[in-house]
Amino acid sequence: MKAFLASWLFCAAVPVSAAQIGPQDLGNLRADIVVLGEVHDNPTHHVNQAAALAALAPRAIVFEMLSPEQAARVTPDLRADAAGLGAVLDWNASGWPDFVMYAPLFTAAPQAAIYGAALPRDEVRRAMADGAAAVFGPDAPAFGLDQALPTDEQAAQEAEQMAAHCDALPADMLPGMVAAQRLRDAAFARTAIQALEQTGGPVAVITGSGHARTDRGVPAMIARAAPQVSVLSLGQLEAPADGPQPFDLWIVTEPTPREDPCAALR
């Protein structure tokens, strides 16, 4: 395994096989766009992302958690002021986990431009009714949003949305939830491509591991819209991987203690 990692991490843009790695390997991630997945409330995942950013030294970092307007508020002076930056970003009202976990990502690569990829909530909701292509605009075909998913893939994604929402969603909501997910994946991918074009890269993307999937997430959208761009996906998991994983590389960490998110629905 070490020989494989050495030959790929330092020499190739695209891995020949997916593999589990450890934190000691995070300094060797290389591609035009590196997608760093996370479980949002796991502090270890953010420590790992910060280590990867420090080694990669990206020219841009794209955040799922920020809108373009929020990203524009990030100044060099604020990046080292966690309390001040959190206040400027109105983070406490955002619904994301404690900013203490995210603040080191802004200082790990202080030279990197900050990009926000989050869409307005009303646009995400509109995609649930009107479809992802209608909301995304004229570039929708480049990301495949103008095409319906194959029946089996649609069913698989609907099942995942149901499981992710504690099996509590009405069945008629599931197609809309899948459309919203596809819209967000495409939006993150579009912002990452723009950041690469504007800065020359490399670009890092901070996002949930679900969006880091190579089969349908941000890496897949980038591969479709900009096949000349090399992409590396790192997933972070809280349980030992069972079989093939939808990432180029993945790390397994201890789960973070949390209340059962489905308890209230039960």
Protein backbone atom coordinates (compact mmCIF):
# COMPACT_ATOMS: atom_id res chain seq x y z
CA MET A 1 0.00 0.00 0.00
CA LYS A 2 2.78 2.48 0.85
CA ALA A 3 4.48 1.83 -2.49
CA PHE A 4 1.21 2.43 -4.31
CA LEU A 5 0.57 5.66 -2.46
CA ALA A 6 4.07 6.96 -3.11
CA SER A 7 3.85 6.22 -6.83
CA TRP A 8 0.45 7.86 -7.18
CA LEU A 9 0.53 10.76 -4.74
CA PHE A 10 3.71 12.26 -6.13
CA CYS A 11 3.54 11.30 -9.80
CA ALA A 12 -0.03 11.08 -11.11
CA ALA A 13 -2.96 13.43 -11.47
CA VAL A 14 -5.61 10.70 -11.21
CA PRO A 15 -5.29 7.59 -9.05
CA VAL A 16 -5.34 4.18 -10.72
CA SER A 17 -7.23 2.75 -7.74
CA ALA A 18 -9.09 4.06 -4.72
CA ALA A 19 -7.39 3.58 -1.37
CA GLN A 20 -7.70 4.28 2.33
CA ILE A 21 -5.00 6.57 3.70
CA GLY A 22 -3.99 7.92 7.08
CA PRO A 23 -3.44 11.47 8.36
CA GLN A 24 0.28 11.12 7.64
CA ASP A 25 -0.52 11.05 3.91
CA LEU A 26 -2.46 14.33 3.84
CA GLY A 27 0.63 16.31 2.91
CA ASN A 28 0.85 14.59 -0.46
CA LEU A 29 -2.49 15.37 -2.10
CA ARG A 30 -2.03 16.90 -5.55
CA ALA A 31 -4.47 17.83 -8.35
CA ASP A 32 -5.84 20.94 -10.05
CA ILE A 33 -8.87 20.67 -7.73
CA VAL A 34 -8.74 18.74 -4.45
CA VAL A 35 -12.14 18.07 -2.88
CA LEU A 36 -11.81 17.63 0.89
CA GLY A 37 -14.85 15.93 2.35
CA GLU A 38 -15.98 16.06 5.96
CA VAL A 39 -18.64 15.06 8.43
CA HIS A 40 -19.55 18.60 9.34
CA ASP A 41 -19.53 18.31 13.13
CA ASN A 42 -16.45 16.10 13.47
CA PRO A 43 -13.50 18.19 14.76
CA THR A 44 -10.94 15.63 13.58
CA HIS A 45 -12.11 16.05 10.02
CA HIS A 46 -11.39 19.75 10.15
CA VAL A 47 -7.96 19.12 11.63
CA ASN A 48 -7.27 16.82 8.69
CA GLN A 49 -8.54 19.38 6.20
CA ALA A 50 -6.30 22.06 7.71
CA ALA A 51 -3.28 19.76 7.40
CA ALA A 52 -4.11 19.07 3.76
CA LEU A 53 -4.54 22.78 3.03
CA ALA A 54 -1.24 23.72 4.66
CA ALA A 55 0.61 21.19 2.50
CA LEU A 56 -1.27 21.85 -0.74
CA ALA A 57 -0.94 25.66 -0.45
CA PRO A 58 -3.93 26.23 -2.74
CA ARG A 59 -4.42 29.52 -4.48
CA ALA A 60 -8.15 29.30 -3.77
CA ILE A 61 -10.42 27.59 -1.25
CA VAL A 62 -14.08 27.03 -2.09
CA PHE A 63 -16.43 26.67 0.88
CA GLU A 64 -19.79 24.91 0.71
CA MET A 65 -20.70 26.86 3.86
CA LEU A 66 -20.27 30.36 2.43
CA SER A 67 -22.22 32.34 -0.10
CA PRO A 68 -20.28 34.53 -2.54
CA GLU A 69 -21.38 37.54 -0.52
CA GLN A 70 -20.01 36.08 2.70
CA ALA A 71 -16.74 35.09 1.03
CA ALA A 72 -16.27 38.69 -0.11
CA ARG A 73 -16.24 39.80 3.55
CA VAL A 74 -13.18 37.71 4.37
CA THR A 75 -10.18 40.05 4.61
CA PRO A 76 -6.54 39.16 5.35
CA ASP A 77 -6.75 40.75 8.80
CA LEU A 78 -9.93 38.92 9.73
CA ARG A 79 -8.57 35.51 8.82
CA ALA A 80 -6.45 35.43 11.95
CA ASP A 81 -9.28 36.74 14.14
CA ALA A 82 -11.60 33.78 14.62
CA ALA A 83 -14.15 35.67 16.73
CA GLY A 84 -14.21 38.64 14.40
CA LEU A 85 -14.43 36.52 11.27
CA GLY A 86 -17.23 34.42 12.70
CA ALA A 87 -19.17 37.59 13.54
CA VAL A 88 -18.65 39.11 10.08
CA LEU A 89 -19.84 35.88 8.49
CA ASP A 90 -22.85 35.75 10.85
CA TRP A 91 -21.84 32.15 11.41
CA ASN A 92 -23.94 31.60 14.53
CA ALA A 93 -27.08 32.16 12.50
CA SER A 94 -26.00 29.89 9.67
CA GLY A 95 -26.87 26.51 11.17
CA TRP A 96 -23.36 25.14 10.64
CA PRO A 97 -21.39 23.61 13.55
CA ASP A 98 -19.22 25.74 15.84
CA PHE A 99 -16.94 28.11 13.94
CA VAL A 100 -14.07 27.10 16.22
CA MET A 101 -13.74 23.99 14.03
CA TYR A 102 -13.75 25.93 10.75
CA ALA A 103 -11.57 28.91 11.70
CA PRO A 104 -8.25 27.05 11.19
CA LEU A 105 -9.19 26.42 7.56
CA PHE A 106 -8.93 30.14 6.88
CA THR A 107 -5.41 30.37 8.30
CA ALA A 108 -3.98 27.05 7.07
CA ALA A 109 -3.42 28.55 3.61
CA PRO A 110 -3.40 32.33 4.22
CA GLN A 111 -2.46 33.11 0.62
CA ALA A 112 -5.56 31.43 -0.79
CA ALA A 113 -8.47 33.42 -2.17
CA ILE A 114 -11.77 32.52 -0.48
CA TYR A 115 -14.76 31.55 -2.61
CA GLY A 116 -18.31 30.87 -1.48
CA ALA A 117 -20.37 28.31 -3.38
CA ALA A 118 -23.60 28.23 -1.36
CA LEU A 119 -26.78 29.04 -3.24
CA PRO A 120 -29.64 31.08 -1.80
CA ARG A 121 -32.10 28.83 0.00
CA ASP A 122 -35.00 29.96 -2.16
CA GLU A 123 -33.13 28.77 -5.27
CA VAL A 124 -32.50 25.38 -3.71
CA ARG A 125 -36.16 25.12 -2.77
CA ARG A 126 -37.21 26.17 -6.27
CA ALA A 127 -35.12 23.36 -7.74
CA MET A 128 -37.24 20.91 -5.76
CA ALA A 129 -40.30 22.04 -7.70
CA ASP A 130 -38.92 23.22 -11.05
CA GLY A 131 -35.86 21.01 -11.43
CA ALA A 132 -32.15 21.72 -11.13
CA ALA A 133 -31.70 22.84 -14.74
CA ALA A 134 -34.34 25.56 -14.50
CA VAL A 135 -32.57 27.11 -11.52
CA PHE A 136 -28.98 26.59 -12.64
CA GLY A 137 -29.38 28.48 -15.90
CA PRO A 138 -27.82 28.20 -19.38
CA ASP A 139 -24.80 26.18 -18.22
CA ALA A 140 -27.03 23.34 -17.01
CA PRO A 141 -26.24 21.03 -19.98
CA ALA A 142 -22.50 21.25 -19.29
CA PHE A 143 -23.13 19.67 -15.90
CA GLY A 144 -25.74 17.19 -17.12
CA LEU A 145 -28.58 18.86 -15.26
CA ASP A 146 -30.77 18.92 -18.36
CA GLN A 147 -30.86 15.12 -18.38
CA ALA A 148 -32.88 12.87 -16.12
CA LEU A 149 -30.94 10.34 -14.11
CA PRO A 150 -31.17 6.67 -15.13
CA THR A 151 -34.03 4.98 -13.30
CA ASP A 152 -31.80 2.89 -11.04
CA GLU A 153 -29.61 5.87 -10.12
CA GLN A 154 -32.65 8.03 -9.37
CA ALA A 155 -34.02 5.30 -7.12
CA ALA A 156 -30.66 4.92 -5.35
CA GLN A 157 -30.37 8.64 -4.70
CA GLU A 158 -33.95 8.85 -3.46
CA ALA A 159 -33.27 5.99 -1.04
CA GLU A 160 -30.18 7.80 0.24
CA GLN A 161 -32.16 10.99 0.78
CA MET A 162 -34.79 9.06 2.70
CA ALA A 163 -32.16 7.41 4.91
CA ALA A 164 -30.37 10.72 5.46
CA HIS A 165 -33.64 12.23 6.68
CA CYS A 166 -34.42 9.45 9.18
CA ASP A 167 -36.92 7.73 6.87
CA ALA A 168 -39.30 10.55 7.72
CA LEU A 169 -39.80 12.24 4.35
CA PRO A 170 -42.99 11.85 2.34
CA ALA A 171 -42.18 9.78 -0.75
CA ASP A 172 -43.36 12.54 -3.08
CA MET A 173 -40.64 14.86 -1.74
CA LEU A 174 -37.78 12.57 -2.72
CA PRO A 175 -37.43 13.57 -6.40
CA GLY A 176 -37.20 17.19 -5.35
CA MET A 177 -34.58 16.41 -2.75
CA VAL A 178 -32.46 14.68 -5.39
CA ALA A 179 -32.87 17.66 -7.72
CA ALA A 180 -31.70 20.01 -4.96
CA GLN A 181 -28.67 17.83 -4.29
CA ARG A 182 -27.73 17.78 -7.98
CA LEU A 183 -28.11 21.57 -8.13
CA ARG A 184 -25.79 22.08 -5.18
CA ASP A 185 -23.19 19.64 -6.52
CA ALA A 186 -23.17 21.48 -9.83
CA ALA A 187 -22.94 24.88 -8.12
CA PHE A 188 -19.95 23.79 -6.04
CA ALA A 189 -18.29 22.36 -9.15
CA ARG A 190 -18.92 25.53 -11.18
CA THR A 191 -17.39 27.70 -8.46
CA ALA A 192 -14.35 25.42 -8.20
CA ILE A 193 -13.79 25.61 -11.97
CA GLN A 194 -14.14 29.39 -11.88
CA ALA A 195 -11.64 29.60 -9.03
CA LEU A 196 -9.18 27.48 -11.00
CA GLU A 197 -9.57 29.69 -14.08
CA GLN A 198 -9.17 32.89 -12.06
CA THR A 199 -6.25 31.86 -9.84
CA GLY A 200 -4.46 29.15 -11.81
CA GLY A 201 -4.91 26.67 -8.95
CA PRO A 202 -4.57 24.45 -7.20
CA VAL A 203 -8.03 24.81 -5.69
CA ALA A 204 -9.35 23.11 -2.56
CA VAL A 205 -13.04 22.52 -1.94
CA ILE A 206 -14.36 22.20 1.62
CA THR A 207 -17.61 20.22 1.60
CA GLY A 208 -19.46 17.31 3.07
CA SER A 209 -18.25 13.86 2.11
CA GLY A 210 -21.54 13.25 0.29
CA HIS A 211 -20.66 16.04 -2.12
CA ALA A 212 -17.12 14.64 -2.49
CA ARG A 213 -18.32 11.42 -4.13
CA THR A 214 -16.66 10.65 -7.44
CA ASP A 215 -19.69 8.86 -8.88
CA ARG A 216 -22.22 11.68 -8.59
CA GLY A 217 -20.87 14.57 -6.51
CA VAL A 218 -18.67 17.56 -7.20
CA PRO A 219 -15.81 15.51 -8.78
CA ALA A 220 -18.24 13.91 -11.23
CA MET A 221 -19.68 17.31 -12.15
CA ILE A 222 -16.22 18.76 -12.74
CA ALA A 223 -15.22 15.76 -14.85
CA ARG A 224 -18.27 16.30 -17.03
CA ALA A 225 -17.99 20.07 -17.43
CA ALA A 226 -14.18 20.38 -17.55
CA PRO A 227 -12.64 16.98 -18.39
CA GLN A 228 -9.20 18.52 -18.84
CA VAL A 229 -9.05 19.40 -15.13
CA SER A 230 -7.48 16.88 -12.74
CA VAL A 231 -9.56 16.25 -9.62
CA LEU A 232 -8.80 14.39 -6.41
CA SER A 233 -11.52 13.47 -3.95
CA LEU A 234 -10.88 12.74 -0.28
CA GLY A 235 -13.75 11.33 1.74
CA GLN A 236 -13.77 11.25 5.53
CA LEU A 237 -15.76 8.53 7.25
CA GLU A 238 -16.66 7.70 10.84
CA ALA A 239 -16.90 3.93 10.39
CA PRO A 240 -14.61 1.38 8.78
CA ALA A 241 -15.17 1.26 5.05
CA ASP A 242 -17.18 -1.74 3.88
CA GLY A 243 -16.29 -2.49 0.28
CA PRO A 244 -15.48 0.00 -2.49
CA GLN A 245 -15.87 3.65 -1.61
CA PRO A 246 -16.98 6.48 -3.93
CA PHE A 247 -13.80 8.52 -3.36
CA ASP A 248 -10.30 8.53 -4.79
CA LEU A 249 -8.96 8.34 -1.24
CA TRP A 250 -10.59 8.15 2.15
CA ILE A 251 -9.78 8.40 5.84
CA VAL A 252 -11.62 6.63 8.66
CA THR A 253 -11.77 8.50 11.98
CA GLU A 254 -13.44 8.01 15.33
CA PRO A 255 -17.03 9.28 15.34
CA THR A 256 -17.70 12.49 17.19
CA PRO A 257 -20.17 12.19 20.11
CA ARG A 258 -23.57 13.53 19.14
CA GLU A 259 -27.20 13.14 20.02
CA ASP A 260 -29.30 10.90 17.80
CA PRO A 261 -30.52 13.29 15.07
CA CYS A 262 -33.57 11.08 14.47
CA ALA A 263 -34.70 10.91 18.11
CA ALA A 264 -37.07 13.84 17.89
CA LEU A 265 -38.75 12.42 14.80
CA ARG A 266 -39.35 9.12 16.54
